[in-house]
C-alpha cells in the first residue's frame, strides 16, 4: 500500500517579512538554530516539523544556508 500524499504548508507574511514552512501538522515548538533568522519547529522527540525565516526580503543578495 502506498503512503498517503504528503502535504507541505507554506505561508508568507509580507508585512512581517516572515516565511513559515511546515512539513508535518503535529504539535511542536519553535527553537533557535545557528542563524538568528531561522527557527526550526520540532516535536517532543526532536523531529523537525518545519521552519520559519525572518527578514526574507533581505536574502536577495545570497542564499541562506542552515542545518536543521
PDB file of N, CA and C in Angstrom:
ATOM      1  N   UNK A   1       0.840  -1.175   0.000  1.00  0.00           N
ATOM      2  CA  UNK A   1       0.000   0.000   0.000  1.00  0.00           C
ATOM      3  C   UNK A   1       0.893   1.249   0.000  1.00  0.00           C
ATOM      4  N   UNK A   2       0.628   2.198  -0.866  1.00  0.00           N
ATOM      5  CA  UNK A   2       1.416   3.434  -0.964  1.00  0.00           C
ATOM      6  C   UNK A   2       1.090   4.374   0.187  1.00  0.00           C
ATOM      7  N   UNK A   3       2.094   5.171   0.572  1.00  0.00           N
ATOM      8  CA  UNK A   3       1.872   6.180   1.603  1.00  0.00           C
ATOM      9  C   UNK A   3       0.910   7.238   1.092  1.00  0.00           C
ATOM     10  N   UNK A   4       0.095   7.818   1.993  1.00  0.00           N
ATOM     11  CA  UNK A   4      -0.784   8.896   1.552  1.00  0.00           C
ATOM     12  C   UNK A   4       0.041  10.099   1.092  1.00  0.00           C
ATOM     13  N   UNK A   5      -0.562  10.911   0.268  1.00  0.00           N
ATOM     14  CA  UNK A   5       0.116  12.098  -0.244  1.00  0.00           C
ATOM     15  C   UNK A   5       0.588  12.981   0.902  1.00  0.00           C
ATOM     16  N   UNK A   6       1.812  13.424   0.846  1.00  0.00           N
ATOM     17  CA  UNK A   6       2.371  14.291   1.892  1.00  0.00           C
ATOM     18  C   UNK A   6       2.198  15.744   1.479  1.00  0.00           C
ATOM     19  N   UNK A   7       1.732  16.573   2.389  1.00  0.00           N
ATOM     20  CA  UNK A   7       1.486  17.971   2.098  1.00  0.00           C
ATOM     21  C   UNK A   7       2.423  18.858   2.905  1.00  0.00           C
ATOM     22  N   UNK A   8       2.797  19.987   2.319  1.00  0.00           N
ATOM     23  CA  UNK A   8       3.632  20.983   2.968  1.00  0.00           C
ATOM     24  C   UNK A   8       2.838  22.281   3.027  1.00  0.00           C
ATOM     25  N   UNK A   9       2.821  22.919   4.181  1.00  0.00           N
ATOM     26  CA  UNK A   9       2.132  24.197   4.343  1.00  0.00           C
ATOM     27  C   UNK A   9       3.180  25.307   4.275  1.00  0.00           C
ATOM     28  N   UNK A  10       2.983  26.257   3.347  1.00  0.00           N
ATOM     29  CA  UNK A  10       3.905  27.370   3.177  1.00  0.00           C
ATOM     30  C   UNK A  10       3.113  28.659   3.333  1.00  0.00           C
ATOM     31  N   UNK A  11       3.602  29.529   4.194  1.00  0.00           N
ATOM     32  CA  UNK A  11       2.901  30.778   4.472  1.00  0.00           C
ATOM     33  C   UNK A  11       3.896  31.916   4.521  1.00  0.00           C
ATOM     34  N   UNK A  12       3.567  33.029   3.845  1.00  0.00           N
ATOM     35  CA  UNK A  12       4.420  34.211   3.851  1.00  0.00           C
ATOM     36  C   UNK A  12       3.612  35.412   4.304  1.00  0.00           C
ATOM     37  N   UNK A  13       4.159  36.166   5.243  1.00  0.00           N
ATOM     38  CA  UNK A  13       3.541  37.396   5.728  1.00  0.00           C
ATOM     39  C   UNK A  13       4.409  38.553   5.236  1.00  0.00           C
ATOM     40  N   UNK A  14       3.974  39.270   4.175  1.00  0.00           N
ATOM     41  CA  UNK A  14       4.803  40.347   3.637  1.00  0.00           C
ATOM     42  C   UNK A  14       4.983  41.509   4.614  1.00  0.00           C
ATOM     43  N   UNK A  15       3.991  41.769   5.424  1.00  0.00           N
ATOM     44  CA  UNK A  15       4.094  42.871   6.388  1.00  0.00           C
ATOM     45  C   UNK A  15       5.174  42.581   7.442  1.00  0.00           C
ATOM     46  N   UNK A  16       5.220  41.338   7.902  1.00  0.00           N
ATOM     47  CA  UNK A  16       6.226  40.940   8.892  1.00  0.00           C
ATOM     48  C   UNK A  16       7.509  40.427   8.269  1.00  0.00           C
ATOM     49  N   UNK A  17       7.524  40.286   6.913  1.00  0.00           N
ATOM     50  CA  UNK A  17       8.667  39.754   6.176  1.00  0.00           C
ATOM     51  C   UNK A  17       9.086  38.406   6.774  1.00  0.00           C
ATOM     52  N   UNK A  18       8.092  37.507   6.877  1.00  0.00           N
ATOM     53  CA  UNK A  18       8.224  36.239   7.608  1.00  0.00           C
ATOM     54  C   UNK A  18       7.711  35.097   6.739  1.00  0.00           C
ATOM     55  N   UNK A  19       8.491  34.037   6.615  1.00  0.00           N
ATOM     56  CA  UNK A  19       8.114  32.844   5.855  1.00  0.00           C
ATOM     57  C   UNK A  19       8.070  31.662   6.805  1.00  0.00           C
ATOM     58  N   UNK A  20       7.017  30.852   6.691  1.00  0.00           N
ATOM     59  CA  UNK A  20       6.921  29.643   7.517  1.00  0.00           C
ATOM     60  C   UNK A  20       6.624  28.463   6.614  1.00  0.00           C
ATOM     61  N   UNK A  21       7.361  27.373   6.800  1.00  0.00           N
ATOM     62  CA  UNK A  21       7.174  26.140   6.039  1.00  0.00           C
ATOM     63  C   UNK A  21       6.994  25.011   7.043  1.00  0.00           C
ATOM     64  N   UNK A  22       5.848  24.328   6.974  1.00  0.00           N
ATOM     65  CA  UNK A  22       5.544  23.237   7.898  1.00  0.00           C
ATOM     66  C   UNK A  22       5.396  21.945   7.094  1.00  0.00           C
ATOM     67  N   UNK A  23       6.201  20.945   7.444  1.00  0.00           N
ATOM     68  CA  UNK A  23       6.180  19.649   6.765  1.00  0.00           C
ATOM     69  C   UNK A  23       5.135  18.718   7.357  1.00  0.00           C
ATOM     70  N   UNK A  24       4.917  18.833   8.654  1.00  0.00           N
ATOM     71  CA  UNK A  24       4.056  17.889   9.363  1.00  0.00           C
ATOM     72  C   UNK A  24       3.195  18.649  10.366  1.00  0.00           C
ATOM     73  N   UNK A  25       1.882  18.508  10.260  1.00  0.00           N
ATOM     74  CA  UNK A  25       0.940  19.230  11.118  1.00  0.00           C
ATOM     75  C   UNK A  25       0.780  18.526  12.468  1.00  0.00           C
ATOM     76  N   UNK A  26       1.842  18.536  13.247  1.00  0.00           N
ATOM     77  CA  UNK A  26       1.827  17.921  14.578  1.00  0.00           C
ATOM     78  C   UNK A  26       2.130  18.979  15.621  1.00  0.00           C
ATOM     79  N   UNK A  27       1.814  18.656  16.876  1.00  0.00           N
ATOM     80  CA  UNK A  27       2.164  19.550  17.979  1.00  0.00           C
ATOM     81  C   UNK A  27       3.678  19.659  18.079  1.00  0.00           C
ATOM     82  N   UNK A  28       4.149  20.837  18.355  1.00  0.00           N
ATOM     83  CA  UNK A  28       5.575  21.052  18.491  1.00  0.00           C
ATOM     84  C   UNK A  28       5.864  22.471  18.929  1.00  0.00           C
ATOM     85  N   UNK A  29       7.114  22.831  18.882  1.00  0.00           N
ATOM     86  CA  UNK A  29       7.512  24.176  19.295  1.00  0.00           C
ATOM     87  C   UNK A  29       8.695  24.627  18.445  1.00  0.00           C
ATOM     88  N   UNK A  30       8.875  25.953  18.364  1.00  0.00           N
ATOM     89  CA  UNK A  30       9.992  26.517  17.613  1.00  0.00           C
ATOM     90  C   UNK A  30      11.195  26.675  18.533  1.00  0.00           C
ATOM     91  N   UNK A  31      12.375  26.363  17.991  1.00  0.00           N
ATOM     92  CA  UNK A  31      13.610  26.569  18.738  1.00  0.00           C
ATOM     93  C   UNK A  31      14.636  27.219  17.812  1.00  0.00           C
ATOM     94  N   UNK A  32      15.618  27.862  18.420  1.00  0.00           N
ATOM     95  CA  UNK A  32      16.637  28.578  17.671  1.00  0.00           C
ATOM     96  C   UNK A  32      17.531  27.633  16.880  1.00  0.00           C
ATOM     97  N   UNK A  33      18.116  28.175  15.820  1.00  0.00           N
ATOM     98  CA  UNK A  33      19.156  27.486  15.049  1.00  0.00           C
ATOM     99  C   UNK A  33      20.419  28.336  15.149  1.00  0.00           C
ATOM    100  N   UNK A  34      21.451  27.976  14.416  1.00  0.00           N
ATOM    101  CA  UNK A  34      22.673  28.770  14.446  1.00  0.00           C
ATOM    102  C   UNK A  34      22.502  30.120  13.753  1.00  0.00           C
ATOM    103  N   UNK A  35      21.411  30.306  13.024  1.00  0.00           N
ATOM    104  CA  UNK A  35      21.117  31.576  12.355  1.00  0.00           C
ATOM    105  C   UNK A  35      20.069  32.346  13.162  1.00  0.00           C
ATOM    106  N   UNK A  36      20.289  33.644  13.343  1.00  0.00           N
ATOM    107  CA  UNK A  36      19.298  34.449  14.045  1.00  0.00           C
ATOM    108  C   UNK A  36      18.064  34.718  13.190  1.00  0.00           C
ATOM    109  N   UNK A  37      18.091  34.308  11.918  1.00  0.00           N
ATOM    110  CA  UNK A  37      16.946  34.474  11.019  1.00  0.00           C
ATOM    111  C   UNK A  37      16.038  33.250  10.987  1.00  0.00           C
ATOM    112  N   UNK A  38      16.534  32.100  11.385  1.00  0.00           N
ATOM    113  CA  UNK A  38      15.807  30.840  11.195  1.00  0.00           C
ATOM    114  C   UNK A  38      15.506  30.165  12.530  1.00  0.00           C
ATOM    115  N   UNK A  39      14.257  29.718  12.659  1.00  0.00           N
ATOM    116  CA  UNK A  39      13.831  28.899  13.790  1.00  0.00           C
ATOM    117  C   UNK A  39      13.341  27.580  13.198  1.00  0.00           C
ATOM    118  N   UNK A  40      13.561  26.483  13.909  1.00  0.00           N
ATOM    119  CA  UNK A  40      13.039  25.200  13.444  1.00  0.00           C
ATOM    120  C   UNK A  40      11.916  24.757  14.372  1.00  0.00           C
ATOM    121  N   UNK A  41      10.884  24.169  13.783  1.00  0.00           N
ATOM    122  CA  UNK A  41       9.787  23.628  14.577  1.00  0.00           C
ATOM    123  C   UNK A  41      10.045  22.137  14.754  1.00  0.00           C
ATOM    124  N   UNK A  42      10.031  21.682  16.010  1.00  0.00           N
ATOM    125  CA  UNK A  42      10.302  20.283  16.314  1.00  0.00           C
ATOM    126  C   UNK A  42       9.220  19.723  17.229  1.00  0.00           C
ATOM    127  N   UNK A  43       9.081  18.394  17.215  1.00  0.00           N
ATOM    128  CA  UNK A  43       8.163  17.750  18.150  1.00  0.00           C
ATOM    129  C   UNK A  43       8.926  17.410  19.429  1.00  0.00           C
ATOM    130  N   UNK A  44       8.268  16.754  20.367  1.00  0.00           N
ATOM    131  CA  UNK A  44       8.889  16.435  21.659  1.00  0.00           C
ATOM    132  C   UNK A  44      10.096  15.499  21.524  1.00  0.00           C
ATOM    133  N   UNK A  45      10.175  14.733  20.435  1.00  0.00           N
ATOM    134  CA  UNK A  45      11.303  13.835  20.212  1.00  0.00           C
ATOM    135  C   UNK A  45      12.446  14.511  19.437  1.00  0.00           C
ATOM    136  N   UNK A  46      12.247  15.774  19.045  1.00  0.00           N
ATOM    137  CA  UNK A  46      13.278  16.498  18.306  1.00  0.00           C
ATOM    138  C   UNK A  46      13.199  16.352  16.805  1.00  0.00           C
ATOM    139  N   UNK A  47      12.151  15.683  16.296  1.00  0.00           N
ATOM    140  CA  UNK A  47      11.977  15.551  14.849  1.00  0.00           C
ATOM    141  C   UNK A  47      11.560  16.895  14.265  1.00  0.00           C
ATOM    142  N   UNK A  48      12.189  17.290  13.161  1.00  0.00           N
ATOM    143  CA  UNK A  48      11.889  18.574  12.534  1.00  0.00           C
ATOM    144  C   UNK A  48      10.529  18.505  11.839  1.00  0.00           C
ATOM    145  N   UNK A  49       9.646  19.439  12.200  1.00  0.00           N
ATOM    146  CA  UNK A  49       8.311  19.529  11.616  1.00  0.00           C
ATOM    147  C   UNK A  49       8.205  20.667  10.606  1.00  0.00           C
ATOM    148  N   UNK A  50       9.168  21.595  10.643  1.00  0.00           N
ATOM    149  CA  UNK A  50       9.145  22.742   9.745  1.00  0.00           C
ATOM    150  C   UNK A  50      10.159  23.773  10.179  1.00  0.00           C
ATOM    151  N   UNK A  51      10.055  24.966   9.570  1.00  0.00           N
ATOM    152  CA  UNK A  51      10.968  26.043   9.924  1.00  0.00           C
ATOM    153  C   UNK A  51      10.341  27.382   9.577  1.00  0.00           C
ATOM    154  N   UNK A  52      10.897  28.442  10.155  1.00  0.00           N
ATOM    155  CA  UNK A  52      10.465  29.799   9.827  1.00  0.00           C
ATOM    156  C   UNK A  52      11.700  30.641   9.543  1.00  0.00           C
ATOM    157  N   UNK A  53      11.505  31.662   8.685  1.00  0.00           N
ATOM    158  CA  UNK A  53      12.600  32.545   8.305  1.00  0.00           C
ATOM    159  C   UNK A  53      12.136  33.985   8.466  1.00  0.00           C
ATOM    160  N   UNK A  54      12.901  34.771   9.198  1.00  0.00           N
ATOM    161  CA  UNK A  54      12.647  36.204   9.357  1.00  0.00           C
ATOM    162  C   UNK A  54      13.440  36.989   8.314  1.00  0.00           C
ATOM    163  N   UNK A  55      12.982  38.184   7.989  1.00  0.00           N
ATOM    164  CA  UNK A  55      13.676  39.085   7.061  1.00  0.00           C
ATOM    165  C   UNK A  55      13.988  38.395   5.737  1.00  0.00           C
ATOM    166  N   UNK A  56      12.985  37.766   5.165  1.00  0.00           N
ATOM    167  CA  UNK A  56      13.144  37.017   3.913  1.00  0.00           C
ATOM    168  C   UNK A  56      13.585  37.930   2.777  1.00  0.00           C
ATOM    169  N   UNK A  57      13.050  39.136   2.714  1.00  0.00           N
ATOM    170  CA  UNK A  57      13.382  40.033   1.602  1.00  0.00           C
ATOM    171  C   UNK A  57      14.858  40.421   1.593  1.00  0.00           C
ATOM    172  N   UNK A  58      15.556  40.291   2.704  1.00  0.00           N
ATOM    173  CA  UNK A  58      16.975  40.608   2.760  1.00  0.00           C
ATOM    174  C   UNK A  58      17.865  39.528   2.168  1.00  0.00           C
ATOM    175  N   UNK A  59      17.269  38.451   1.710  1.00  0.00           N
ATOM    176  CA  UNK A  59      18.041  37.330   1.173  1.00  0.00           C
ATOM    177  C   UNK A  59      18.257  37.441  -0.335  1.00  0.00           C
ATOM    178  N   UNK A  60      18.079  38.604  -0.900  1.00  0.00           N
ATOM    179  CA  UNK A  60      18.213  38.772  -2.350  1.00  0.00           C
ATOM    180  C   UNK A  60      19.651  38.646  -2.829  1.00  0.00           C
ATOM    181  N   UNK A  61      20.582  39.013  -1.983  1.00  0.00           N
ATOM    182  CA  UNK A  61      21.995  39.022  -2.372  1.00  0.00           C
ATOM    183  C   UNK A  61      22.611  37.627  -2.417  1.00  0.00           C
ATOM    184  N   UNK A  62      22.308  36.817  -1.389  1.00  0.00           N
ATOM    185  CA  UNK A  62      22.905  35.478  -1.331  1.00  0.00           C
ATOM    186  C   UNK A  62      21.942  34.548  -0.587  1.00  0.00           C
ATOM    187  N   UNK A  63      22.027  33.251  -0.872  1.00  0.00           N
ATOM    188  CA  UNK A  63      21.149  32.307  -0.178  1.00  0.00           C
ATOM    189  C   UNK A  63      21.545  32.142   1.276  1.00  0.00           C
ATOM    190  N   UNK A  64      20.583  31.757   2.074  1.00  0.00           N
ATOM    191  CA  UNK A  64      20.803  31.473   3.487  1.00  0.00           C
ATOM    192  C   UNK A  64      20.900  29.971   3.643  1.00  0.00           C
ATOM    193  N   UNK A  65      21.957  29.486   4.297  1.00  0.00           N
ATOM    194  CA  UNK A  65      22.132  28.052   4.491  1.00  0.00           C
ATOM    195  C   UNK A  65      22.162  27.746   5.978  1.00  0.00           C
ATOM    196  N   UNK A  66      21.283  26.817   6.412  1.00  0.00           N
ATOM    197  CA  UNK A  66      21.153  26.464   7.816  1.00  0.00           C
ATOM    198  C   UNK A  66      20.946  24.960   7.931  1.00  0.00           C
ATOM    199  N   UNK A  67      21.591  24.330   8.899  1.00  0.00           N
ATOM    200  CA  UNK A  67      21.354  22.907   9.176  1.00  0.00           C
ATOM    201  C   UNK A  67      20.152  22.800  10.101  1.00  0.00           C
ATOM    202  N   UNK A  68      19.201  21.923   9.773  1.00  0.00           N
ATOM    203  CA  UNK A  68      18.035  21.669  10.612  1.00  0.00           C
ATOM    204  C   UNK A  68      18.159  20.301  11.242  1.00  0.00           C
TER     205      UNK A  68
END
